Amino acid sequence: MTATPEPVDSRVTELLGRPPTVDYQVVVAGADGSPVVIRNEPLTHDGRPMPTRYWLVGGTQRAAVSRIESDGGVRQAESEVDPLELEDAHRRYAAERDAALPPGWGGPKPSGGVGGTRRGVKCLHAHYAWYLAGGDDPVGRWVADQLDGRAEAGRP
């Protein structure tokens, strides 16, 4: 007898700890089919701007990135990533997100780049999510390198 996989919506709700407030698509899934990264629409169900286009929802991945953040990873990434490359990434992220707004949308629009920030690094999770989804994100690449280094060293 094979188990029937959970519906994606209930799994994403479980991973987020609440029902999503925005329409989304699972764009990266684990080997078992579990959602790892979702791509959010730029507006919530009630029309509020949603600046975060890519969201890291996979529990294992989220925990690993949280450990990097708790070890000072945000400041370290900001000091090690080329600021012009990061600025360009914010621009490209915002352009992709804003292109998904409904045609003729006249209401409030999301602002900022990755994770809603205009400059620097706000959240390693958002950068890594975009990187996993195929985005050319220098901070996401930096996070991937950090995770690889920790795995090679036998650290979580």
Protein backbone atom coordinates (compact mmCIF):
# COMPACT_ATOMS: atom_id res chain seq x y z
CA MET A 1 0.00 0.00 0.00
CA THR A 2 1.41 3.42 -0.92
CA ALA A 3 0.75 6.58 1.01
CA THR A 4 -1.18 9.32 -0.72
CA PRO A 5 0.86 12.52 -0.63
CA GLU A 6 -0.58 15.43 1.31
CA PRO A 7 -2.09 18.21 -0.78
CA VAL A 8 0.48 20.96 -1.38
CA ASP A 9 -1.71 23.64 0.25
CA SER A 10 -1.91 21.79 3.55
CA ARG A 11 1.84 21.08 3.48
CA VAL A 12 2.69 24.74 2.79
CA THR A 13 0.32 25.80 5.57
CA GLU A 14 2.09 23.39 7.92
CA LEU A 15 5.55 24.63 6.88
CA LEU A 16 4.54 28.30 7.24
CA GLY A 17 2.71 27.68 10.50
CA ARG A 18 -0.35 29.46 9.09
CA PRO A 19 -2.43 29.55 5.92
CA PRO A 20 -0.78 31.49 3.08
CA THR A 21 -2.15 35.00 2.55
CA VAL A 22 -1.04 35.08 -1.08
CA ASP A 23 -1.40 32.88 -4.14
CA TYR A 24 1.82 30.95 -4.80
CA GLN A 25 3.39 28.18 -6.83
CA VAL A 26 5.83 25.57 -5.56
CA VAL A 27 8.94 26.16 -7.70
CA VAL A 28 11.42 23.91 -5.87
CA ALA A 29 10.50 20.61 -4.26
CA GLY A 30 12.56 18.08 -2.35
CA ALA A 31 13.21 14.53 -3.52
CA ASP A 32 10.09 13.44 -1.63
CA GLY A 33 7.97 16.13 -3.32
CA SER A 34 7.79 18.37 -0.26
CA PRO A 35 7.77 22.11 -1.03
CA VAL A 36 11.15 23.79 -0.52
CA VAL A 37 10.62 27.15 -2.26
CA ILE A 38 7.40 28.89 -3.20
CA ARG A 39 7.02 31.82 -5.58
CA ASN A 40 4.51 34.33 -4.26
CA GLU A 41 2.29 36.58 -6.31
CA PRO A 42 3.06 40.28 -5.70
CA LEU A 43 -0.25 40.97 -3.92
CA THR A 44 -1.85 39.27 -0.93
CA HIS A 45 -5.44 38.02 -1.08
CA ASP A 46 -6.64 41.38 0.25
CA GLY A 47 -4.57 43.42 -2.23
CA ARG A 48 -1.66 44.40 0.03
CA PRO A 49 1.81 44.41 -1.53
CA MET A 50 3.90 41.27 -1.01
CA PRO A 51 7.56 42.20 -1.45
CA THR A 52 8.94 38.69 -0.99
CA ARG A 53 8.64 36.87 -4.32
CA TYR A 54 10.52 33.69 -3.29
CA TRP A 55 10.03 32.10 0.10
CA LEU A 56 12.10 29.30 1.60
CA VAL A 57 9.55 26.99 3.21
CA GLY A 58 11.47 23.69 3.43
CA GLY A 59 11.98 22.94 7.11
CA THR A 60 15.47 21.45 6.82
CA GLN A 61 16.71 24.20 4.53
CA ARG A 62 15.13 26.95 6.62
CA ALA A 63 16.76 25.61 9.79
CA ALA A 64 20.17 25.38 8.13
CA VAL A 65 19.98 28.98 6.87
CA SER A 66 18.76 30.12 10.30
CA ARG A 67 21.93 28.68 11.84
CA ILE A 68 24.04 30.71 9.42
CA GLU A 69 22.05 33.84 10.28
CA SER A 70 22.44 33.22 14.01
CA ASP A 71 26.21 32.93 13.50
CA GLY A 72 26.32 36.47 12.05
CA GLY A 73 25.74 35.43 8.45
CA VAL A 74 23.86 38.56 7.38
CA ARG A 75 26.77 40.85 8.27
CA GLN A 76 29.28 38.39 6.89
CA ALA A 77 27.43 38.09 3.57
CA GLU A 78 27.19 41.88 3.28
CA SER A 79 30.93 42.19 3.79
CA GLU A 80 31.87 39.38 1.37
CA VAL A 81 29.47 39.91 -1.54
CA ASP A 82 30.20 42.57 -4.16
CA PRO A 83 27.82 45.47 -3.36
CA LEU A 84 27.27 46.34 -7.04
CA GLU A 85 26.38 42.73 -7.83
CA LEU A 86 23.96 42.74 -4.88
CA GLU A 87 22.41 46.04 -5.99
CA ASP A 88 21.87 44.58 -9.46
CA ALA A 89 20.27 41.47 -7.95
CA HIS A 90 17.81 43.64 -5.97
CA ARG A 91 16.87 45.47 -9.19
CA ARG A 92 16.32 42.26 -11.16
CA TYR A 93 14.29 40.66 -8.34
CA ALA A 94 12.03 43.73 -8.07
CA ALA A 95 11.58 43.89 -11.85
CA GLU A 96 10.50 40.22 -11.99
CA ARG A 97 8.10 40.64 -9.09
CA ASP A 98 6.64 43.89 -10.41
CA ALA A 99 6.15 42.37 -13.88
CA ALA A 100 3.75 39.88 -12.24
CA LEU A 101 1.40 42.64 -11.02
CA PRO A 102 -2.01 42.54 -12.69
CA PRO A 103 -2.13 44.67 -15.85
CA GLY A 104 -3.28 48.19 -15.01
CA TRP A 105 -2.85 47.68 -11.25
CA GLY A 106 -3.28 51.12 -9.65
CA GLY A 107 -3.11 50.14 -6.00
CA PRO A 108 -0.12 49.95 -3.69
CA LYS A 109 2.85 48.10 -5.12
CA PRO A 110 5.57 46.06 -3.41
CA SER A 111 8.81 47.91 -2.85
CA GLY A 112 12.45 47.01 -2.50
CA GLY A 113 14.30 44.05 -3.88
CA VAL A 114 15.04 40.68 -2.31
CA GLY A 115 12.99 40.33 0.88
CA GLY A 116 11.64 43.87 0.40
CA THR A 117 14.95 45.59 1.14
CA ARG A 118 16.42 48.25 -1.10
CA ARG A 119 20.05 47.86 -0.06
CA GLY A 120 22.24 45.28 1.57
CA VAL A 121 21.04 42.02 3.03
CA LYS A 122 17.94 41.67 5.17
CA CYS A 123 17.25 37.94 5.13
CA LEU A 124 19.46 35.10 3.96
CA HIS A 125 16.39 32.89 3.56
CA ALA A 126 14.89 35.09 0.83
CA HIS A 127 18.18 35.27 -1.08
CA TYR A 128 18.73 31.53 -0.85
CA ALA A 129 15.14 30.82 -1.94
CA TRP A 130 15.59 32.89 -5.08
CA TYR A 131 18.94 31.25 -5.77
CA LEU A 132 17.41 27.75 -5.44
CA ALA A 133 14.62 28.81 -7.80
CA GLY A 134 17.22 29.70 -10.43
CA GLY A 135 17.83 33.35 -9.64
CA ASP A 136 21.28 34.84 -10.15
CA ASP A 137 21.61 35.97 -6.54
CA PRO A 138 25.13 36.52 -5.17
CA VAL A 139 23.96 36.23 -1.57
CA GLY A 140 22.04 33.04 -2.32
CA ARG A 141 25.19 31.65 -3.92
CA TRP A 142 27.16 32.73 -0.83
CA VAL A 143 24.64 30.89 1.40
CA ALA A 144 24.94 27.75 -0.75
CA ASP A 145 28.73 27.90 -0.38
CA GLN A 146 28.39 28.28 3.40
CA LEU A 147 26.04 25.29 3.59
CA ASP A 148 28.41 23.21 1.47
CA GLY A 149 31.32 24.16 3.73
CA ARG A 150 29.39 23.24 6.85
CA ALA A 151 28.40 19.90 5.35
CA GLU A 152 32.01 19.14 4.43
CA ALA A 153 33.07 20.01 7.98
CA GLY A 154 30.32 17.79 9.42
CA ARG A 155 28.51 20.77 10.96
CA PRO A 156 24.78 21.38 10.69
